[in-house]
Full PDB file with SEQRES, HELIX, SHEET, SSBOND, CRYST1, ORIGX, SCALE, CONECT and MASTER records, all heavy atoms in Angstrom:
SEQRES   1 A   34  LYS ARG GLY ASN TYR ALA PHE VAL GLN GLU ARG VAL ALA          
SEQRES   2 A   34  TYR THR PHE TYR ASP PRO SER VAL ALA THR LYS GLU LEU          
SEQRES   3 A   34  VAL ASP GLU VAL PHE ASN VAL THR                              
HELIX    1 AA1 TYR A    5  ALA A   13  1                                   9    
HELIX    2 AA2 PRO A   19  VAL A   21  5                                   3    
HELIX    3 AA3 LYS A   24  VAL A   33  1                                  10    
CRYST1    1.000    1.000    1.000  90.00  90.00  90.00 P 1           1          
ORIGX1      1.000000  0.000000  0.000000        0.00000                         
ORIGX2      0.000000  1.000000  0.000000        0.00000                         
ORIGX3      0.000000  0.000000  1.000000        0.00000                         
SCALE1      1.000000  0.000000  0.000000        0.00000                         
SCALE2      0.000000  1.000000  0.000000        0.00000                         
SCALE3      0.000000  0.000000  1.000000        0.00000                         
ATOM      1  N   LYS A   1     -63.041  54.652 -27.255  1.00  0.00           N  
ATOM      2  CA  LYS A   1     -62.231  53.629 -27.914  1.00  0.00           C  
ATOM      3  C   LYS A   1     -62.282  53.840 -29.416  1.00  0.00           C  
ATOM      4  O   LYS A   1     -63.346  53.788 -30.032  1.00  0.00           O  
ATOM      5  CB  LYS A   1     -62.759  52.232 -27.554  1.00  0.00           C  
ATOM      6  CG  LYS A   1     -62.593  51.884 -26.081  1.00  0.00           C  
ATOM      7  CD  LYS A   1     -63.110  50.490 -25.779  1.00  0.00           C  
ATOM      8  CE  LYS A   1     -62.943  50.140 -24.304  1.00  0.00           C  
ATOM      9  NZ  LYS A   1     -63.474  48.807 -23.992  1.00  0.00           N  
ATOM     10  N   ARG A   2     -61.133  54.069 -29.988  1.00  0.00           N  
ATOM     11  CA  ARG A   2     -61.050  54.381 -31.408  1.00  0.00           C  
ATOM     12  C   ARG A   2     -61.502  53.184 -32.246  1.00  0.00           C  
ATOM     13  O   ARG A   2     -61.076  52.058 -32.036  1.00  0.00           O  
ATOM     14  CB  ARG A   2     -59.607  54.768 -31.755  1.00  0.00           C  
ATOM     15  CG  ARG A   2     -59.427  55.237 -33.181  1.00  0.00           C  
ATOM     16  CD  ARG A   2     -58.075  55.898 -33.342  1.00  0.00           C  
ATOM     17  NE  ARG A   2     -57.864  56.313 -34.723  1.00  0.00           N  
ATOM     18  CZ  ARG A   2     -57.147  55.640 -35.596  1.00  0.00           C  
ATOM     19  NH1 ARG A   2     -56.563  54.508 -35.234  1.00  0.00           N  
ATOM     20  NH2 ARG A   2     -56.998  56.085 -36.825  1.00  0.00           N  
ATOM     21  N   GLY A   3     -62.416  53.459 -33.195  1.00  0.00           N  
ATOM     22  CA  GLY A   3     -62.837  52.443 -34.147  1.00  0.00           C  
ATOM     23  C   GLY A   3     -63.881  51.477 -33.638  1.00  0.00           C  
ATOM     24  O   GLY A   3     -64.256  50.554 -34.349  1.00  0.00           O  
ATOM     25  N   ASN A   4     -64.388  51.674 -32.404  1.00  0.00           N  
ATOM     26  CA  ASN A   4     -65.363  50.753 -31.836  1.00  0.00           C  
ATOM     27  C   ASN A   4     -66.738  51.432 -31.840  1.00  0.00           C  
ATOM     28  O   ASN A   4     -67.081  52.166 -30.915  1.00  0.00           O  
ATOM     29  CB  ASN A   4     -64.935  50.362 -30.417  1.00  0.00           C  
ATOM     30  CG  ASN A   4     -65.798  49.244 -29.850  1.00  0.00           C  
ATOM     31  OD1 ASN A   4     -66.985  49.131 -30.161  1.00  0.00           O  
ATOM     32  ND2 ASN A   4     -65.201  48.427 -28.993  1.00  0.00           N  
ATOM     33  N   TYR A   5     -67.512  51.195 -32.882  1.00  0.00           N  
ATOM     34  CA  TYR A   5     -68.799  51.879 -33.038  1.00  0.00           C  
ATOM     35  C   TYR A   5     -69.773  51.500 -31.923  1.00  0.00           C  
ATOM     36  O   TYR A   5     -70.481  52.365 -31.390  1.00  0.00           O  
ATOM     37  CB  TYR A   5     -69.409  51.558 -34.403  1.00  0.00           C  
ATOM     38  CG  TYR A   5     -70.622  52.387 -34.738  1.00  0.00           C  
ATOM     39  CD1 TYR A   5     -70.490  53.613 -35.376  1.00  0.00           C  
ATOM     40  CD2 TYR A   5     -71.905  51.956 -34.407  1.00  0.00           C  
ATOM     41  CE1 TYR A   5     -71.592  54.391 -35.689  1.00  0.00           C  
ATOM     42  CE2 TYR A   5     -73.022  52.722 -34.705  1.00  0.00           C  
ATOM     43  CZ  TYR A   5     -72.862  53.940 -35.341  1.00  0.00           C  
ATOM     44  OH  TYR A   5     -73.967  54.703 -35.628  1.00  0.00           O  
ATOM     45  N   ALA A   6     -69.819  50.222 -31.568  1.00  0.00           N  
ATOM     46  CA  ALA A   6     -70.752  49.775 -30.533  1.00  0.00           C  
ATOM     47  C   ALA A   6     -70.461  50.453 -29.201  1.00  0.00           C  
ATOM     48  O   ALA A   6     -71.383  50.833 -28.466  1.00  0.00           O  
ATOM     49  CB  ALA A   6     -70.676  48.256 -30.384  1.00  0.00           C  
ATOM     50  N   PHE A   7     -69.173  50.612 -28.889  1.00  0.00           N  
ATOM     51  CA  PHE A   7     -68.792  51.281 -27.648  1.00  0.00           C  
ATOM     52  C   PHE A   7     -69.261  52.743 -27.667  1.00  0.00           C  
ATOM     53  O   PHE A   7     -69.844  53.235 -26.697  1.00  0.00           O  
ATOM     54  CB  PHE A   7     -67.274  51.233 -27.462  1.00  0.00           C  
ATOM     55  CG  PHE A   7     -66.771  52.036 -26.299  1.00  0.00           C  
ATOM     56  CD1 PHE A   7     -66.778  51.517 -25.015  1.00  0.00           C  
ATOM     57  CD2 PHE A   7     -66.294  53.331 -26.482  1.00  0.00           C  
ATOM     58  CE1 PHE A   7     -66.321  52.260 -23.934  1.00  0.00           C  
ATOM     59  CE2 PHE A   7     -65.837  54.085 -25.416  1.00  0.00           C  
ATOM     60  CZ  PHE A   7     -65.852  53.548 -24.141  1.00  0.00           C  
ATOM     61  N   VAL A   8     -69.012  53.423 -28.780  1.00  0.00           N  
ATOM     62  CA  VAL A   8     -69.412  54.827 -28.888  1.00  0.00           C  
ATOM     63  C   VAL A   8     -70.935  54.955 -28.791  1.00  0.00           C  
ATOM     64  O   VAL A   8     -71.463  55.838 -28.098  1.00  0.00           O  
ATOM     65  CB  VAL A   8     -68.896  55.439 -30.210  1.00  0.00           C  
ATOM     66  CG1 VAL A   8     -69.492  56.825 -30.445  1.00  0.00           C  
ATOM     67  CG2 VAL A   8     -67.373  55.520 -30.185  1.00  0.00           C  
ATOM     68  N   GLN A   9     -71.648  54.059 -29.439  1.00  0.00           N  
ATOM     69  CA  GLN A   9     -73.111  54.080 -29.392  1.00  0.00           C  
ATOM     70  C   GLN A   9     -73.617  53.926 -27.953  1.00  0.00           C  
ATOM     71  O   GLN A   9     -74.520  54.643 -27.507  1.00  0.00           O  
ATOM     72  CB  GLN A   9     -73.657  52.947 -30.268  1.00  0.00           C  
ATOM     73  CG  GLN A   9     -75.170  52.958 -30.435  1.00  0.00           C  
ATOM     74  CD  GLN A   9     -75.613  51.896 -31.421  1.00  0.00           C  
ATOM     75  OE1 GLN A   9     -75.019  50.808 -31.515  1.00  0.00           O  
ATOM     76  NE2 GLN A   9     -76.646  52.184 -32.194  1.00  0.00           N  
ATOM     77  N   GLU A  10     -72.996  53.006 -27.222  1.00  0.00           N  
ATOM     78  CA  GLU A  10     -73.381  52.777 -25.832  1.00  0.00           C  
ATOM     79  C   GLU A  10     -73.097  54.003 -24.965  1.00  0.00           C  
ATOM     80  O   GLU A  10     -73.905  54.413 -24.133  1.00  0.00           O  
ATOM     81  CB  GLU A  10     -72.617  51.575 -25.277  1.00  0.00           C  
ATOM     82  CG  GLU A  10     -72.881  51.301 -23.801  1.00  0.00           C  
ATOM     83  CD  GLU A  10     -71.934  50.254 -23.250  1.00  0.00           C  
ATOM     84  OE1 GLU A  10     -71.316  49.521 -24.054  1.00  0.00           O  
ATOM     85  OE2 GLU A  10     -71.807  50.175 -22.018  1.00  0.00           O  
ATOM     86  N   ARG A  11     -71.929  54.612 -25.171  1.00  0.00           N  
ATOM     87  CA  ARG A  11     -71.540  55.764 -24.350  1.00  0.00           C  
ATOM     88  C   ARG A  11     -72.378  57.003 -24.657  1.00  0.00           C  
ATOM     89  O   ARG A  11     -72.695  57.771 -23.768  1.00  0.00           O  
ATOM     90  CB  ARG A  11     -70.055  56.091 -24.557  1.00  0.00           C  
ATOM     91  CG  ARG A  11     -69.092  55.031 -24.064  1.00  0.00           C  
ATOM     92  CD  ARG A  11     -69.280  54.734 -22.576  1.00  0.00           C  
ATOM     93  NE  ARG A  11     -70.187  53.630 -22.343  1.00  0.00           N  
ATOM     94  CZ  ARG A  11     -70.682  53.296 -21.164  1.00  0.00           C  
ATOM     95  NH1 ARG A  11     -70.365  53.979 -20.074  1.00  0.00           N  
ATOM     96  NH2 ARG A  11     -71.490  52.277 -21.043  1.00  0.00           N  
ATOM     97  N   VAL A  12     -72.737  57.196 -25.927  1.00  0.00           N  
ATOM     98  CA  VAL A  12     -73.591  58.337 -26.273  1.00  0.00           C  
ATOM     99  C   VAL A  12     -74.976  58.151 -25.655  1.00  0.00           C  
ATOM    100  O   VAL A  12     -75.561  59.089 -25.092  1.00  0.00           O  
ATOM    101  CB  VAL A  12     -73.689  58.515 -27.799  1.00  0.00           C  
ATOM    102  CG1 VAL A  12     -74.716  59.592 -28.155  1.00  0.00           C  
ATOM    103  CG2 VAL A  12     -72.333  58.902 -28.377  1.00  0.00           C  
ATOM    104  N   ALA A  13     -75.504  56.934 -25.723  1.00  0.00           N  
ATOM    105  CA  ALA A  13     -76.801  56.649 -25.105  1.00  0.00           C  
ATOM    106  C   ALA A  13     -76.757  56.874 -23.594  1.00  0.00           C  
ATOM    107  O   ALA A  13     -77.750  57.283 -22.982  1.00  0.00           O  
ATOM    108  CB  ALA A  13     -77.220  55.209 -25.423  1.00  0.00           C  
ATOM    109  N   TYR A  14     -75.605  56.640 -22.992  1.00  0.00           N  
ATOM    110  CA  TYR A  14     -75.401  56.819 -21.550  1.00  0.00           C  
ATOM    111  C   TYR A  14     -75.641  58.268 -21.129  1.00  0.00           C  
ATOM    112  O   TYR A  14     -75.948  58.555 -19.981  1.00  0.00           O  
ATOM    113  CB  TYR A  14     -73.966  56.397 -21.239  1.00  0.00           C  
ATOM    114  CG  TYR A  14     -73.509  56.443 -19.806  1.00  0.00           C  
ATOM    115  CD1 TYR A  14     -73.807  55.407 -18.931  1.00  0.00           C  
ATOM    116  CD2 TYR A  14     -72.727  57.499 -19.337  1.00  0.00           C  
ATOM    117  CE1 TYR A  14     -73.348  55.422 -17.622  1.00  0.00           C  
ATOM    118  CE2 TYR A  14     -72.270  57.525 -18.040  1.00  0.00           C  
ATOM    119  CZ  TYR A  14     -72.577  56.491 -17.177  1.00  0.00           C  
ATOM    120  OH  TYR A  14     -72.117  56.510 -15.888  1.00  0.00           O  
ATOM    121  N   THR A  15     -75.531  59.187 -22.078  1.00  0.00           N  
ATOM    122  CA  THR A  15     -75.722  60.608 -21.792  1.00  0.00           C  
ATOM    123  C   THR A  15     -77.181  60.932 -21.479  1.00  0.00           C  
ATOM    124  O   THR A  15     -77.464  61.886 -20.756  1.00  0.00           O  
ATOM    125  CB  THR A  15     -75.265  61.449 -23.013  1.00  0.00           C  
ATOM    126  OG1 THR A  15     -73.907  61.130 -23.303  1.00  0.00           O  
ATOM    127  CG2 THR A  15     -75.383  62.931 -22.748  1.00  0.00           C  
ATOM    128  N   PHE A  16     -78.099  60.127 -22.003  1.00  0.00           N  
ATOM    129  CA  PHE A  16     -79.516  60.460 -21.925  1.00  0.00           C  
ATOM    130  C   PHE A  16     -80.300  59.453 -21.082  1.00  0.00           C  
ATOM    131  O   PHE A  16     -79.918  58.285 -20.977  1.00  0.00           O  
ATOM    132  CB  PHE A  16     -80.116  60.519 -23.334  1.00  0.00           C  
ATOM    133  CG  PHE A  16     -79.386  61.460 -24.260  1.00  0.00           C  
ATOM    134  CD1 PHE A  16     -78.517  60.963 -25.221  1.00  0.00           C  
ATOM    135  CD2 PHE A  16     -79.564  62.825 -24.160  1.00  0.00           C  
ATOM    136  CE1 PHE A  16     -77.845  61.817 -26.076  1.00  0.00           C  
ATOM    137  CE2 PHE A  16     -78.894  63.691 -25.010  1.00  0.00           C  
ATOM    138  CZ  PHE A  16     -78.025  63.195 -25.961  1.00  0.00           C  
ATOM    139  N   TYR A  17     -81.417  59.911 -20.528  1.00  0.00           N  
ATOM    140  CA  TYR A  17     -82.343  58.998 -19.859  1.00  0.00           C  
ATOM    141  C   TYR A  17     -83.022  58.111 -20.899  1.00  0.00           C  
ATOM    142  O   TYR A  17     -83.156  56.901 -20.709  1.00  0.00           O  
ATOM    143  CB  TYR A  17     -83.386  59.803 -19.084  1.00  0.00           C  
ATOM    144  CG  TYR A  17     -84.513  58.961 -18.524  1.00  0.00           C  
ATOM    145  CD1 TYR A  17     -84.318  58.179 -17.389  1.00  0.00           C  
ATOM    146  CD2 TYR A  17     -85.765  58.936 -19.150  1.00  0.00           C  
ATOM    147  CE1 TYR A  17     -85.350  57.393 -16.880  1.00  0.00           C  
ATOM    148  CE2 TYR A  17     -86.796  58.160 -18.644  1.00  0.00           C  
ATOM    149  CZ  TYR A  17     -86.586  57.385 -17.508  1.00  0.00           C  
ATOM    150  OH  TYR A  17     -87.599  56.615 -17.014  1.00  0.00           O  
ATOM    151  N   ASP A  18     -83.451  58.722 -21.995  1.00  0.00           N  
ATOM    152  CA  ASP A  18     -84.096  57.992 -23.084  1.00  0.00           C  
ATOM    153  C   ASP A  18     -83.053  57.712 -24.159  1.00  0.00           C  
ATOM    154  O   ASP A  18     -82.624  58.626 -24.876  1.00  0.00           O  
ATOM    155  CB  ASP A  18     -85.238  58.831 -23.661  1.00  0.00           C  
ATOM    156  CG  ASP A  18     -85.953  58.154 -24.821  1.00  0.00           C  
ATOM    157  OD1 ASP A  18     -85.568  57.015 -25.166  1.00  0.00           O  
ATOM    158  OD2 ASP A  18     -86.878  58.765 -25.383  1.00  0.00           O  
ATOM    159  N   PRO A  19     -82.607  56.470 -24.319  1.00  0.00           N  
ATOM    160  CA  PRO A  19     -81.549  56.153 -25.289  1.00  0.00           C  
ATOM    161  C   PRO A  19     -81.902  56.522 -26.720  1.00  0.00           C  
ATOM    162  O   PRO A  19     -81.010  56.714 -27.547  1.00  0.00           O  
ATOM    163  CB  PRO A  19     -81.385  54.628 -25.149  1.00  0.00           C  
ATOM    164  CG  PRO A  19     -81.949  54.299 -23.814  1.00  0.00           C  
ATOM    165  CD  PRO A  19     -83.055  55.284 -23.576  1.00  0.00           C  
ATOM    166  N   SER A  20     -83.200  56.655 -27.029  1.00  0.00           N  
ATOM    167  CA  SER A  20     -83.591  56.986 -28.397  1.00  0.00           C  
ATOM    168  C   SER A  20     -83.160  58.399 -28.790  1.00  0.00           C  
ATOM    169  O   SER A  20     -83.111  58.726 -29.990  1.00  0.00           O  
ATOM    170  CB  SER A  20     -85.107  56.846 -28.579  1.00  0.00           C  
ATOM    171  OG  SER A  20     -85.801  57.848 -27.865  1.00  0.00           O  
ATOM    172  N   VAL A  21     -82.835  59.242 -27.801  1.00  0.00           N  
ATOM    173  CA  VAL A  21     -82.336  60.590 -28.102  1.00  0.00           C  
ATOM    174  C   VAL A  21     -80.964  60.491 -28.774  1.00  0.00           C  
ATOM    175  O   VAL A  21     -80.564  61.375 -29.537  1.00  0.00           O  
ATOM    176  CB  VAL A  21     -82.259  61.446 -26.824  1.00  0.00           C  
ATOM    177  CG1 VAL A  21     -81.712  62.841 -27.124  1.00  0.00           C  
ATOM    178  CG2 VAL A  21     -83.640  61.556 -26.178  1.00  0.00           C  
ATOM    179  N   ALA A  22     -80.253  59.394 -28.498  1.00  0.00           N  
ATOM    180  CA  ALA A  22     -78.949  59.167 -29.136  1.00  0.00           C  
ATOM    181  C   ALA A  22     -79.177  58.630 -30.538  1.00  0.00           C  
ATOM    182  O   ALA A  22     -79.024  57.438 -30.826  1.00  0.00           O  
ATOM    183  CB  ALA A  22     -78.123  58.187 -28.309  1.00  0.00           C  
ATOM    184  N   THR A  23     -79.554  59.513 -31.447  1.00  0.00           N  
ATOM    185  CA  THR A  23     -79.870  59.132 -32.817  1.00  0.00           C  
ATOM    186  C   THR A  23     -78.624  58.624 -33.540  1.00  0.00           C  
ATOM    187  O   THR A  23     -77.488  58.882 -33.124  1.00  0.00           O  
ATOM    188  CB  THR A  23     -80.435  60.340 -33.583  1.00  0.00           C  
ATOM    189  OG1 THR A  23     -79.424  61.368 -33.618  1.00  0.00           O  
ATOM    190  CG2 THR A  23     -81.687  60.875 -32.907  1.00  0.00           C  
ATOM    191  N   LYS A  24     -78.852  57.930 -34.636  1.00  0.00           N  
ATOM    192  CA  LYS A  24     -77.722  57.445 -35.438  1.00  0.00           C  
ATOM    193  C   LYS A  24     -76.864  58.607 -35.918  1.00  0.00           C  
ATOM    194  O   LYS A  24     -75.626  58.507 -35.948  1.00  0.00           O  
ATOM    195  CB  LYS A  24     -78.229  56.632 -36.629  1.00  0.00           C  
ATOM    196  CG  LYS A  24     -77.092  56.008 -37.459  1.00  0.00           C  
ATOM    197  CD  LYS A  24     -77.619  55.192 -38.615  1.00  0.00           C  
ATOM    198  CE  LYS A  24     -76.483  54.477 -39.339  1.00  0.00           C  
ATOM    199  NZ  LYS A  24     -75.440  55.400 -39.841  1.00  0.00           N  
ATOM    200  N   GLU A  25     -77.511  59.713 -36.274  1.00  0.00           N  
ATOM    201  CA  GLU A  25     -76.758  60.892 -36.724  1.00  0.00           C  
ATOM    202  C   GLU A  25     -75.818  61.380 -35.631  1.00  0.00           C  
ATOM    203  O   GLU A  25     -74.651  61.708 -35.892  1.00  0.00           O  
ATOM    204  CB  GLU A  25     -77.738  61.998 -37.117  1.00  0.00           C  
ATOM    205  CG  GLU A  25     -77.053  63.259 -37.621  1.00  0.00           C  
ATOM    206  CD  GLU A  25     -78.054  64.350 -37.961  1.00  0.00           C  
ATOM    207  OE1 GLU A  25     -79.220  64.268 -37.496  1.00  0.00           O  
ATOM    208  OE2 GLU A  25     -77.680  65.285 -38.679  1.00  0.00           O  
ATOM    209  N   LEU A  26     -76.315  61.411 -34.386  1.00  0.00           N  
ATOM    210  CA  LEU A  26     -75.493  61.860 -33.267  1.00  0.00           C  
ATOM    211  C   LEU A  26     -74.363  60.875 -32.982  1.00  0.00           C  
ATOM    212  O   LEU A  26     -73.210  61.269 -32.770  1.00  0.00           O  
ATOM    213  CB  LEU A  26     -76.367  62.034 -32.018  1.00  0.00           C  
ATOM    214  CG  LEU A  26     -75.699  62.594 -30.775  1.00  0.00           C  
ATOM    215  CD1 LEU A  26     -75.110  63.979 -31.043  1.00  0.00           C  
ATOM    216  CD2 LEU A  26     -76.711  62.676 -29.628  1.00  0.00           C  
ATOM    217  N   VAL A  27     -74.680  59.592 -32.990  1.00  0.00           N  
ATOM    218  CA  VAL A  27     -73.658  58.570 -32.756  1.00  0.00           C  
ATOM    219  C   VAL A  27     -72.594  58.608 -33.847  1.00  0.00           C  
ATOM    220  O   VAL A  27     -71.387  58.531 -33.566  1.00  0.00           O  
ATOM    221  CB  VAL A  27     -74.292  57.163 -32.669  1.00  0.00           C  
ATOM    222  CG1 VAL A  27     -73.210  56.084 -32.567  1.00  0.00           C  
ATOM    223  CG2 VAL A  27     -75.234  57.071 -31.474  1.00  0.00           C  
ATOM    224  N   ASP A  28     -73.020  58.750 -35.091  1.00  0.00           N  
ATOM    225  CA  ASP A  28     -72.068  58.828 -36.208  1.00  0.00           C  
ATOM    226  C   ASP A  28     -71.126  60.015 -36.045  1.00  0.00           C  
ATOM    227  O   ASP A  28     -69.924  59.915 -36.324  1.00  0.00           O  
ATOM    228  CB  ASP A  28     -72.813  58.958 -37.539  1.00  0.00           C  
ATOM    229  CG  ASP A  28     -73.491  57.661 -37.968  1.00  0.00           C  
ATOM    230  OD1 ASP A  28     -73.212  56.610 -37.359  1.00  0.00           O  
ATOM    231  OD2 ASP A  28     -74.313  57.707 -38.913  1.00  0.00           O  
ATOM    232  N   GLU A  29     -71.685  61.138 -35.592  1.00  0.00           N  
ATOM    233  CA  GLU A  29     -70.863  62.344 -35.407  1.00  0.00           C  
ATOM    234  C   GLU A  29     -69.774  62.103 -34.371  1.00  0.00           C  
ATOM    235  O   GLU A  29     -68.609  62.438 -34.589  1.00  0.00           O  
ATOM    236  CB  GLU A  29     -71.770  63.504 -34.987  1.00  0.00           C  
ATOM    237  CG  GLU A  29     -71.064  64.836 -34.863  1.00  0.00           C  
ATOM    238  CD  GLU A  29     -72.018  65.957 -34.524  1.00  0.00           C  
ATOM    239  OE1 GLU A  29     -73.236  65.821 -34.774  1.00  0.00           O  
ATOM    240  OE2 GLU A  29     -71.556  66.982 -33.991  1.00  0.00           O  
ATOM    241  N   VAL A  30     -70.152  61.502 -33.233  1.00  0.00           N  
ATOM    242  CA  VAL A  30     -69.174  61.231 -32.180  1.00  0.00           C  
ATOM    243  C   VAL A  30     -68.179  60.170 -32.643  1.00  0.00           C  
ATOM    244  O   VAL A  30     -66.975  60.265 -32.373  1.00  0.00           O  
ATOM    245  CB  VAL A  30     -69.878  60.797 -30.873  1.00  0.00           C  
ATOM    246  CG1 VAL A  30     -68.857  60.401 -29.811  1.00  0.00           C  
ATOM    247  CG2 VAL A  30     -70.768  61.915 -30.352  1.00  0.00           C  
ATOM    248  N   PHE A  31     -68.672  59.141 -33.355  1.00  0.00           N  
ATOM    249  CA  PHE A  31     -67.782  58.078 -33.850  1.00  0.00           C  
ATOM    250  C   PHE A  31     -66.711  58.656 -34.778  1.00  0.00           C  
ATOM    251  O   PHE A  31     -65.535  58.297 -34.685  1.00  0.00           O  
ATOM    252  CB  PHE A  31     -68.596  57.010 -34.585  1.00  0.00           C  
ATOM    253  CG  PHE A  31     -67.755  55.912 -35.168  1.00  0.00           C  
ATOM    254  CD1 PHE A  31     -67.181  54.948 -34.363  1.00  0.00           C  
ATOM    255  CD2 PHE A  31     -67.526  55.855 -36.547  1.00  0.00           C  
ATOM    256  CE1 PHE A  31     -66.396  53.934 -34.904  1.00  0.00           C  
ATOM    257  CE2 PHE A  31     -66.752  54.853 -37.096  1.00  0.00           C  
ATOM    258  CZ  PHE A  31     -66.176  53.893 -36.268  1.00  0.00           C  
ATOM    259  N   ASN A  32     -67.117  59.546 -35.658  1.00  0.00           N  
ATOM    260  CA  ASN A  32     -66.157  60.147 -36.585  1.00  0.00           C  
ATOM    261  C   ASN A  32     -65.095  60.948 -35.841  1.00  0.00           C  
ATOM    262  O   ASN A  32     -63.925  60.971 -36.233  1.00  0.00           O  
ATOM    263  CB  ASN A  32     -66.886  61.040 -37.587  1.00  0.00           C  
ATOM    264  CG  ASN A  32     -67.704  60.241 -38.586  1.00  0.00           C  
ATOM    265  OD1 ASN A  32     -67.400  59.080 -38.853  1.00  0.00           O  
ATOM    266  ND2 ASN A  32     -68.749  60.837 -39.125  1.00  0.00           N  
ATOM    267  N   VAL A  33     -65.511  61.594 -34.761  1.00  0.00           N  
ATOM    268  CA  VAL A  33     -64.554  62.347 -33.940  1.00  0.00           C  
ATOM    269  C   VAL A  33     -63.562  61.399 -33.274  1.00  0.00           C  
ATOM    270  O   VAL A  33     -62.342  61.587 -33.333  1.00  0.00           O  
ATOM    271  CB  VAL A  33     -65.290  63.185 -32.874  1.00  0.00           C  
ATOM    272  CG1 VAL A  33     -64.306  63.721 -31.839  1.00  0.00           C  
ATOM    273  CG2 VAL A  33     -66.041  64.327 -33.530  1.00  0.00           C  
ATOM    274  N   THR A  34     -64.077  60.342 -32.653  1.00  0.00           N  
ATOM    275  CA  THR A  34     -63.218  59.430 -31.902  1.00  0.00           C  
ATOM    276  C   THR A  34     -62.357  58.557 -32.813  1.00  0.00           C  
ATOM    277  O   THR A  34     -61.440  57.895 -32.344  1.00  0.00           O  
ATOM    278  CB  THR A  34     -64.050  58.517 -30.979  1.00  0.00           C  
ATOM    279  OG1 THR A  34     -64.947  57.718 -31.766  1.00  0.00           O  
ATOM    280  CG2 THR A  34     -64.853  59.336 -29.978  1.00  0.00           C  
TER     281      THR A  34                                                      
MASTER        0    0    0    3    0    0    0    6  280    1    0    3          
END                                                                             
């Protein structure tokens, strides 16, 4: 979903067993793409 940071953060965390692997840097990268 374009422009929805919380959604992107949730979906990136969904990739991992440990949500902490979805660092802010990683979430920011995906958010900028979307």
